[in-house]
Protein backbone atom coordinates (compact mmCIF):
# COMPACT_ATOMS: atom_id res chain seq x y z
CA MET A 1 -19.68 78.00 185.35
CA ALA A 2 -23.03 79.75 185.70
CA ASP A 3 -24.83 81.03 182.61
CA VAL A 4 -24.25 84.63 181.51
CA ILE A 5 -27.07 86.93 182.62
CA ALA A 6 -27.81 90.22 180.86
CA SER A 7 -27.90 93.09 183.34
CA SER A 8 -27.33 96.84 183.59
CA ILE A 9 -25.70 99.42 185.84
CA LYS A 10 -27.53 102.67 186.48
CA LEU A 11 -25.37 105.77 186.12
CA PRO A 12 -25.77 108.78 188.43
CA ASP A 13 -28.49 111.35 187.83
CA ASP A 14 -27.38 113.84 185.17
CA SER A 15 -30.23 116.28 186.02
CA SER A 16 -32.16 115.50 182.83
CA ASN A 17 -33.42 112.06 183.86
CA SER A 18 -33.19 109.52 186.64
CA GLY A 19 -29.95 108.03 185.34
CA LYS A 20 -28.91 106.27 182.14
CA ASN A 21 -28.30 102.53 181.96
CA LEU A 22 -24.86 101.10 181.18
CA ARG A 23 -25.46 97.71 179.57
CA THR A 24 -23.43 94.81 180.98
CA GLU A 25 -23.44 91.03 181.28
CA THR A 26 -23.03 89.32 184.65
CA ARG A 27 -20.90 86.24 185.11
CA VAL A 28 -19.96 84.29 188.23
CA ILE A 29 -16.18 83.93 188.46
CA GLY A 30 -14.64 82.23 191.47
CA GLY A 31 -17.87 82.55 193.39
CA THR A 32 -18.12 86.31 192.74
CA THR A 33 -20.69 87.89 190.42
CA VAL A 34 -18.97 90.39 188.13
CA HIS A 35 -20.32 92.82 185.55
CA GLU A 36 -18.65 92.65 182.12
CA GLN A 37 -19.01 95.48 179.62
CA PHE A 38 -19.15 94.72 175.90
CA VAL A 39 -18.95 96.77 172.72
CA VAL A 40 -21.38 96.51 169.81
CA PRO A 41 -19.78 98.17 166.74
CA ILE A 42 -22.23 100.11 164.60
CA MET A 43 -21.93 102.37 161.58
CA GLY A 44 -23.10 105.93 162.02
CA LEU A 45 -25.69 105.92 159.28
CA THR A 46 -29.40 106.06 158.62
CA ILE A 47 -30.65 103.54 156.06
CA THR A 48 -33.14 105.29 153.78
CA GLY A 49 -33.98 102.28 151.60
CA LYS A 50 -32.98 98.85 150.28
CA TYR A 51 -33.35 97.90 146.62
CA PHE A 52 -33.14 94.90 144.29
CA TYR A 53 -32.53 94.88 140.54
CA SER A 54 -32.73 91.78 138.31
CA SER A 55 -31.91 92.24 134.63
CA THR A 56 -33.55 90.69 131.62
CA GLN A 57 -31.59 87.97 129.81
CA LEU A 58 -28.67 89.72 128.11
CA SER A 59 -26.70 88.51 125.10
CA VAL A 60 -22.92 88.21 125.01
CA SER A 61 -21.45 90.77 122.62
CA ALA A 62 -19.29 89.64 119.70
CA THR A 63 -17.22 92.81 120.10
CA ILE A 64 -15.46 94.53 122.98
CA GLN A 65 -17.28 97.25 124.92
CA ASP A 66 -15.45 100.14 126.61
CA GLY A 67 -17.75 101.05 129.53
CA LEU A 68 -17.84 104.63 128.28
CA ALA A 69 -19.93 104.71 125.12
CA THR A 70 -20.84 101.01 125.16
CA GLY A 71 -21.87 98.65 127.93
CA PHE A 72 -24.81 96.74 129.41
CA LEU A 73 -25.74 98.69 132.56
CA TRP A 74 -24.81 101.88 134.36
CA LEU A 75 -25.76 102.18 138.04
CA GLN A 76 -25.55 105.94 138.45
CA LEU A 77 -25.98 108.14 141.54
CA PRO A 78 -26.80 111.72 140.46
CA SER A 79 -24.56 114.47 141.82
CA THR A 80 -27.68 115.98 143.43
CA ALA A 81 -28.39 112.82 145.46
CA THR A 82 -28.61 113.16 149.25
CA VAL A 83 -27.49 109.58 150.00
CA THR A 84 -24.58 107.22 149.47
CA ALA A 85 -25.31 103.84 147.86
CA LEU A 86 -23.71 100.74 149.41
CA ILE A 87 -23.57 97.74 147.07
CA LYS A 88 -24.59 94.66 149.08
CA GLY A 89 -24.31 92.00 146.40
CA ILE A 90 -23.84 91.27 142.68
CA THR A 91 -24.72 87.88 141.19
CA ARG A 92 -24.55 86.51 137.64
CA ASP A 93 -26.38 83.57 136.02
CA CYS A 94 -25.26 82.19 132.66
CA SER A 95 -26.94 79.99 130.05
CA THR A 96 -26.92 79.34 126.31
CA SER A 97 -29.58 79.41 123.61
CA SER A 98 -27.89 76.74 121.44
CA THR A 99 -24.88 74.42 121.24
CA VAL A 100 -23.07 76.34 118.50
CA VAL A 101 -19.30 76.56 119.06
CA ALA A 102 -18.37 79.58 121.20
CA PRO A 103 -14.74 78.96 122.21
CA THR A 104 -13.91 82.46 123.43
CA ALA A 105 -13.88 83.53 127.08
CA PRO A 106 -15.62 86.93 127.22
CA VAL A 107 -15.31 88.87 130.45
CA LEU A 108 -17.95 91.01 132.16
CA SER A 109 -16.22 93.82 134.03
CA PHE A 110 -17.73 95.80 136.90
CA THR A 111 -16.00 99.16 137.04
CA LYS A 112 -16.51 102.19 139.22
CA PHE A 113 -16.67 105.55 137.44
CA THR A 114 -17.22 109.25 137.95
CA PHE A 115 -19.22 111.35 135.54
CA THR A 116 -20.16 114.84 134.45
CA GLY A 117 -23.33 115.92 132.69
CA THR A 118 -26.96 114.99 133.30
CA ALA A 119 -27.82 111.38 132.57
CA SER A 120 -30.85 110.85 130.34
CA GLY A 121 -30.39 107.26 129.12
CA THR A 122 -33.20 104.73 129.47
CA SER A 123 -33.72 103.77 133.12
CA VAL A 124 -35.38 100.84 134.84
CA THR A 125 -37.09 100.79 138.23
CA PRO A 126 -35.70 98.45 140.92
CA VAL A 127 -37.83 96.67 143.52
CA LYS A 128 -38.02 98.31 146.95
CA PHE A 129 -37.47 96.18 150.05
CA GLN A 130 -40.59 97.81 151.47
CA THR A 131 -43.41 98.49 149.05
CA ALA A 132 -44.20 101.72 150.87
CA GLY A 133 -40.51 102.70 151.14
CA VAL A 134 -38.90 105.75 149.57
CA ALA A 135 -37.94 105.72 145.89
CA ASN A 136 -34.38 104.86 144.96
CA GLN A 137 -31.91 107.68 144.27
CA MET A 138 -29.33 105.50 142.52
CA ILE A 139 -30.61 104.89 138.99
CA VAL A 140 -30.12 101.78 136.85
CA ARG A 141 -29.65 102.82 133.20
CA THR A 142 -29.31 100.76 130.04
CA ALA A 143 -27.74 103.66 128.07
CA VAL A 144 -24.99 106.13 128.94
CA THR A 145 -26.72 109.05 127.18
CA GLY A 146 -26.01 112.46 128.76
CA MET A 147 -23.03 111.32 130.85
CA THR A 148 -19.32 111.78 130.18
CA ASN A 149 -17.64 109.05 132.21
CA THR A 150 -14.18 108.55 133.65
CA LEU A 151 -13.42 104.96 134.66
CA ILE A 152 -11.79 104.57 138.08
CA GLY A 153 -11.07 100.84 138.20
CA ASP A 154 -12.56 97.35 138.28
CA VAL A 155 -14.17 96.06 141.46
CA GLY A 156 -14.65 92.56 140.02
CA HIS A 157 -15.43 90.54 136.90
CA PHE A 158 -17.06 87.36 135.58
CA THR A 159 -15.78 85.09 132.82
CA ILE A 160 -18.48 83.64 130.56
CA PRO A 161 -17.76 79.91 129.96
CA ALA A 162 -17.20 78.45 126.49
CA VAL A 163 -19.83 76.36 124.67
CA LEU A 164 -18.65 73.24 122.80
CA THR A 165 -20.16 71.69 119.65
CA GLY A 166 -23.06 69.41 120.51
CA VAL A 167 -22.73 70.11 124.22
CA GLY A 168 -25.00 72.59 125.97
CA GLN A 169 -23.52 74.18 129.06
CA VAL A 170 -25.16 76.12 131.89
CA HIS A 171 -22.71 77.72 134.26
CA ALA A 172 -23.35 77.85 138.00
CA GLN A 173 -24.44 81.08 139.61
CA GLU A 174 -21.51 83.28 140.64
CA HIS A 175 -21.08 86.16 143.06
CA ILE A 176 -18.51 88.97 142.96
CA LEU A 177 -19.85 90.95 145.89
CA VAL A 178 -21.51 89.22 148.84
CA PRO A 179 -22.80 90.62 152.15
CA ASP A 180 -19.98 91.28 154.60
CA PRO A 181 -20.39 89.87 158.14
CA GLN A 182 -19.25 93.29 159.39
CA ALA A 183 -22.25 94.80 157.62
CA PHE A 184 -22.37 98.04 159.58
CA ILE A 185 -18.67 98.82 159.73
CA ARG A 186 -17.80 101.48 157.20
CA GLY A 187 -15.53 100.02 154.56
CA SER A 188 -17.31 96.66 154.45
CA ASP A 189 -19.20 97.52 151.23
CA LEU A 190 -18.49 99.23 147.92
CA GLU A 191 -19.67 102.83 148.30
CA ILE A 192 -21.09 104.86 145.42
CA ALA A 193 -21.12 108.57 146.26
CA PRO A 194 -23.10 111.28 144.43
CA GLY A 195 -21.46 111.83 141.04
CA GLU A 196 -20.24 108.22 140.88
CA GLY A 197 -21.51 104.95 139.45
CA LEU A 198 -20.81 101.33 138.56
CA VAL A 199 -20.78 100.21 134.92
CA VAL A 200 -21.16 96.63 133.66
CA TYR A 201 -19.51 96.07 130.29
CA GLN A 202 -17.81 93.34 128.26
CA SER A 203 -14.04 93.93 128.26
CA VAL A 204 -13.17 90.77 126.25
CA ALA A 205 -14.89 89.96 122.94
CA GLY A 206 -17.27 87.07 122.37
CA THR A 207 -17.98 85.11 119.19
CA THR A 208 -19.95 86.03 116.06
CA SER A 209 -23.62 85.10 116.60
CA ASP A 210 -22.69 84.23 120.17
CA PRO A 211 -25.36 81.94 121.73
CA ARG A 212 -24.45 82.69 125.35
CA ARG A 213 -26.81 84.59 127.61
CA PHE A 214 -26.58 85.95 131.14
CA SER A 215 -28.57 87.87 133.71
CA LEU A 216 -27.50 90.01 136.65
CA GLN A 217 -28.90 90.64 140.11
CA VAL A 218 -27.79 93.61 142.18
CA LYS A 219 -28.71 94.51 145.77
CA TRP A 220 -27.94 97.82 147.44
CA ILE A 221 -28.92 100.06 150.32
CA GLU A 222 -28.97 103.84 150.38
CA VAL A 223 -27.76 105.58 153.52
CA ASP A 224 -27.49 109.04 154.98
CA LEU A 225 -24.00 109.29 156.48
CA THR A 226 -24.49 112.73 158.06
């Protein structure tokens, strides 16, 4: 069979130009050249920016956090934002600072929330995909100050591995959200709308003087869906 050849069919004049092109591919079938139409699915959006956040090394908490008053990070999109944030990936690395016994299995929960109030907790600046790109509208905060949150539900979690006496352990990198192959089909990513956010908190307690440490990496894009 002959190779596929990209081609086009010119549509009739619509009075505003000399005719639009209808994209096709040509294929020889049974000695006849035919034009085959194809569909490229796209999401009706305008990407305004892409951002990366990598945390400092964080310490496992000996006590349970609730994601409301206590937690590690709050990714918060102000209600005044003009974009929707699409989470493209979340990754966790884990290590330990000693070989002290830490037999518990603390859990890091990633939970979507809504909020009221004006957030004023300490914020950190993510890295822009393009240095000259627009500033992020979703804000990464290390304190919940100013917000009254309502948890919606978990979108994923990590379990921190135990550390045994005399044995250091470094856990492999894990992912809870990875890029979807249908990247531009709506519904392929976790969406954070204005007035919403994603909190990272420890829903299962650790150990007193816990030696375990972890860091987080988050990637997201901001889009105009109008």
